[in-house]
C-alpha atoms as a PDB file:
ATOM      1  CA  UNK A   1      15.640 -25.630 130.022  1.00  0.00           C
ATOM      2  CA  UNK A   2      15.885 -27.871 126.696  1.00  0.00           C
ATOM      3  CA  UNK A   3      19.153 -27.689 125.245  1.00  0.00           C
ATOM      4  CA  UNK A   4      18.642 -25.999 121.613  1.00  0.00           C
ATOM      5  CA  UNK A   5      22.531 -26.220 120.817  1.00  0.00           C
ATOM      6  CA  UNK A   6      23.319 -27.342 117.149  1.00  0.00           C
ATOM      7  CA  UNK A   7      26.461 -28.758 117.018  1.00  0.00           C
ATOM      8  CA  UNK A   8      26.359 -29.172 113.397  1.00  0.00           C
ATOM      9  CA  UNK A   9      27.424 -32.740 111.478  1.00  0.00           C
ATOM     10  CA  UNK A  10      29.561 -31.339 108.580  1.00  0.00           C
ATOM     11  CA  UNK A  11      29.186 -32.840 105.154  1.00  0.00           C
ATOM     12  CA  UNK A  12      32.940 -33.726 104.847  1.00  0.00           C
ATOM     13  CA  UNK A  13      32.457 -35.361 101.612  1.00  0.00           C
ATOM     14  CA  UNK A  14      31.848 -32.562  99.793  1.00  0.00           C
ATOM     15  CA  UNK A  15      33.482 -29.975 102.132  1.00  0.00           C
ATOM     16  CA  UNK A  16      30.565 -28.109 102.875  1.00  0.00           C
ATOM     17  CA  UNK A  17      28.185 -27.272 105.702  1.00  0.00           C
ATOM     18  CA  UNK A  18      24.509 -28.618 106.233  1.00  0.00           C
ATOM     19  CA  UNK A  19      21.518 -26.388 105.220  1.00  0.00           C
ATOM     20  CA  UNK A  20      20.388 -25.081 108.488  1.00  0.00           C
ATOM     21  CA  UNK A  21      18.429 -21.991 109.231  1.00  0.00           C
ATOM     22  CA  UNK A  22      20.937 -21.114 111.997  1.00  0.00           C
ATOM     23  CA  UNK A  23      23.883 -22.702 113.764  1.00  0.00           C
ATOM     24  CA  UNK A  24      26.051 -22.536 116.841  1.00  0.00           C
ATOM     25  CA  UNK A  25      29.453 -24.266 116.950  1.00  0.00           C
ATOM     26  CA  UNK A  26      31.056 -24.775 120.209  1.00  0.00           C
ATOM     27  CA  UNK A  27      33.025 -27.600 119.674  1.00  0.00           C
ATOM     28  CA  UNK A  28      36.622 -28.781 118.018  1.00  0.00           C
ATOM     29  CA  UNK A  29      34.772 -29.706 114.901  1.00  0.00           C
ATOM     30  CA  UNK A  30      35.597 -26.107 113.831  1.00  0.00           C
ATOM     31  CA  UNK A  31      35.440 -24.852 110.252  1.00  0.00           C
ATOM     32  CA  UNK A  32      39.056 -24.653 109.950  1.00  0.00           C
ATOM     33  CA  UNK A  33      39.053 -28.465 109.768  1.00  0.00           C
ATOM     34  CA  UNK A  34      36.331 -28.859 107.312  1.00  0.00           C
ATOM     35  CA  UNK A  35      36.695 -25.832 105.189  1.00  0.00           C
ATOM     36  CA  UNK A  36      34.013 -24.311 103.152  1.00  0.00           C
ATOM     37  CA  UNK A  37      31.406 -21.696 104.288  1.00  0.00           C
ATOM     38  CA  UNK A  38      28.377 -21.831 106.499  1.00  0.00           C
ATOM     39  CA  UNK A  39      25.430 -21.880 104.252  1.00  0.00           C
ATOM     40  CA  UNK A  40      23.406 -20.255 107.198  1.00  0.00           C
ATOM     41  CA  UNK A  41      24.291 -17.546 109.825  1.00  0.00           C
ATOM     42  CA  UNK A  42      26.579 -19.127 112.358  1.00  0.00           C
ATOM     43  CA  UNK A  43      27.853 -18.322 115.686  1.00  0.00           C
ATOM     44  CA  UNK A  44      31.360 -19.790 116.759  1.00  0.00           C
ATOM     45  CA  UNK A  45      32.394 -20.054 120.158  1.00  0.00           C
ATOM     46  CA  UNK A  46      35.232 -21.738 121.865  1.00  0.00           C
ATOM     47  CA  UNK A  47      36.877 -22.222 125.151  1.00  0.00           C
ATOM     48  CA  UNK A  48      40.579 -20.873 125.135  1.00  0.00           C
ATOM     49  CA  UNK A  49      42.167 -23.914 126.958  1.00  0.00           C
ATOM     50  CA  UNK A  50      40.401 -26.665 124.863  1.00  0.00           C
ATOM     51  CA  UNK A  51      42.881 -29.218 124.189  1.00  0.00           C
ATOM     52  CA  UNK A  52      41.017 -30.498 121.052  1.00  0.00           C
ATOM     53  CA  UNK A  53      41.613 -27.162 119.164  1.00  0.00           C
ATOM     54  CA  UNK A  54      44.899 -25.601 119.000  1.00  0.00           C
ATOM     55  CA  UNK A  55      45.225 -21.658 119.492  1.00  0.00           C
ATOM     56  CA  UNK A  56      46.596 -21.516 115.849  1.00  0.00           C
ATOM     57  CA  UNK A  57      43.270 -23.287 114.656  1.00  0.00           C
ATOM     58  CA  UNK A  58      41.171 -20.841 116.620  1.00  0.00           C
ATOM     59  CA  UNK A  59      43.164 -17.931 114.933  1.00  0.00           C
ATOM     60  CA  UNK A  60      42.538 -19.407 111.459  1.00  0.00           C
ATOM     61  CA  UNK A  61      38.696 -19.678 112.426  1.00  0.00           C
ATOM     62  CA  UNK A  62      38.932 -15.869 113.769  1.00  0.00           C
ATOM     63  CA  UNK A  63      40.559 -14.739 110.137  1.00  0.00           C
ATOM     64  CA  UNK A  64      37.672 -16.176 108.348  1.00  0.00           C
ATOM     65  CA  UNK A  65      34.960 -15.340 111.096  1.00  0.00           C
ATOM     66  CA  UNK A  66      36.163 -12.249 113.074  1.00  0.00           C
ATOM     67  CA  UNK A  67      32.930 -12.376 115.139  1.00  0.00           C
ATOM     68  CA  UNK A  68      34.013 -15.908 116.667  1.00  0.00           C
ATOM     69  CA  UNK A  69      33.844 -15.735 120.605  1.00  0.00           C
ATOM     70  CA  UNK A  70      36.978 -17.123 122.666  1.00  0.00           C
ATOM     71  CA  UNK A  71      36.418 -17.431 126.269  1.00  0.00           C
ATOM     72  CA  UNK A  72      39.580 -16.883 128.233  1.00  0.00           C
ATOM     73  CA  UNK A  73      40.394 -19.661 131.040  1.00  0.00           C
ATOM     74  CA  UNK A  74      37.133 -22.035 129.382  1.00  0.00           C
ATOM     75  CA  UNK A  75      38.115 -25.403 128.260  1.00  0.00           C
ATOM     76  CA  UNK A  76      36.382 -28.093 126.487  1.00  0.00           C
ATOM     77  CA  UNK A  77      32.836 -28.549 127.753  1.00  0.00           C
ATOM     78  CA  UNK A  78      32.717 -25.055 129.376  1.00  0.00           C
ATOM     79  CA  UNK A  79      28.796 -25.011 128.940  1.00  0.00           C
ATOM     80  CA  UNK A  80      28.337 -28.475 130.483  1.00  0.00           C
ATOM     81  CA  UNK A  81      26.954 -27.610 134.044  1.00  0.00           C
ATOM     82  CA  UNK A  82      27.534 -30.385 136.667  1.00  0.00           C
ATOM     83  CA  UNK A  83      31.090 -31.595 135.192  1.00  0.00           C
ATOM     84  CA  UNK A  84      34.539 -30.528 136.179  1.00  0.00           C
ATOM     85  CA  UNK A  85      34.711 -28.620 132.797  1.00  0.00           C
ATOM     86  CA  UNK A  86      31.927 -26.180 133.344  1.00  0.00           C
ATOM     87  CA  UNK A  87      32.910 -22.616 133.566  1.00  0.00           C
ATOM     88  CA  UNK A  88      30.118 -20.446 134.711  1.00  0.00           C
ATOM     89  CA  UNK A  89      31.388 -17.063 133.593  1.00  0.00           C
ATOM     90  CA  UNK A  90      31.923 -18.363 129.938  1.00  0.00           C
ATOM     91  CA  UNK A  91      28.649 -20.386 130.143  1.00  0.00           C
ATOM     92  CA  UNK A  92      26.239 -17.675 131.287  1.00  0.00           C
ATOM     93  CA  UNK A  93      27.866 -15.303 128.546  1.00  0.00           C
ATOM     94  CA  UNK A  94      27.805 -18.040 125.880  1.00  0.00           C
ATOM     95  CA  UNK A  95      23.992 -18.972 126.540  1.00  0.00           C
ATOM     96  CA  UNK A  96      23.071 -15.444 126.572  1.00  0.00           C
ATOM     97  CA  UNK A  97      24.746 -14.962 123.179  1.00  0.00           C
ATOM     98  CA  UNK A  98      23.444 -18.378 121.740  1.00  0.00           C
ATOM     99  CA  UNK A  99      19.756 -17.511 122.789  1.00  0.00           C
ATOM    100  CA  UNK A 100      20.055 -13.907 121.365  1.00  0.00           C
ATOM    101  CA  UNK A 101      21.569 -15.467 118.215  1.00  0.00           C
ATOM    102  CA  UNK A 102      18.693 -17.734 117.403  1.00  0.00           C
ATOM    103  CA  UNK A 103      16.010 -15.292 118.514  1.00  0.00           C
ATOM    104  CA  UNK A 104      17.530 -12.863 115.911  1.00  0.00           C
ATOM    105  CA  UNK A 105      18.071 -15.379 113.380  1.00  0.00           C
ATOM    106  CA  UNK A 106      15.235 -17.576 113.628  1.00  0.00           C
ATOM    107  CA  UNK A 107      12.149 -15.592 114.829  1.00  0.00           C
END
């Protein structure tokens, strides 16, 4: 399956988000670090054990975006199958959410 994940490159000069039809963020490049509001429907997913984003930053994101998904026990790269960081339960759920999200937003 081809990966259809969009990890946005944020326009940090203007503090804004790119103009995309829909966006999935599952990286430490979290909205709390760049400010602004997404200009498109956005799904935010993080591993609870990701060393690149602190629990306080995740809470800041959740405060602004309550639908944010945090996977207990998952670390950075939890969707990267074949790697040491792969977390099957989190990955299966994240892929399901992501594909459903893109289907709802883009079709």
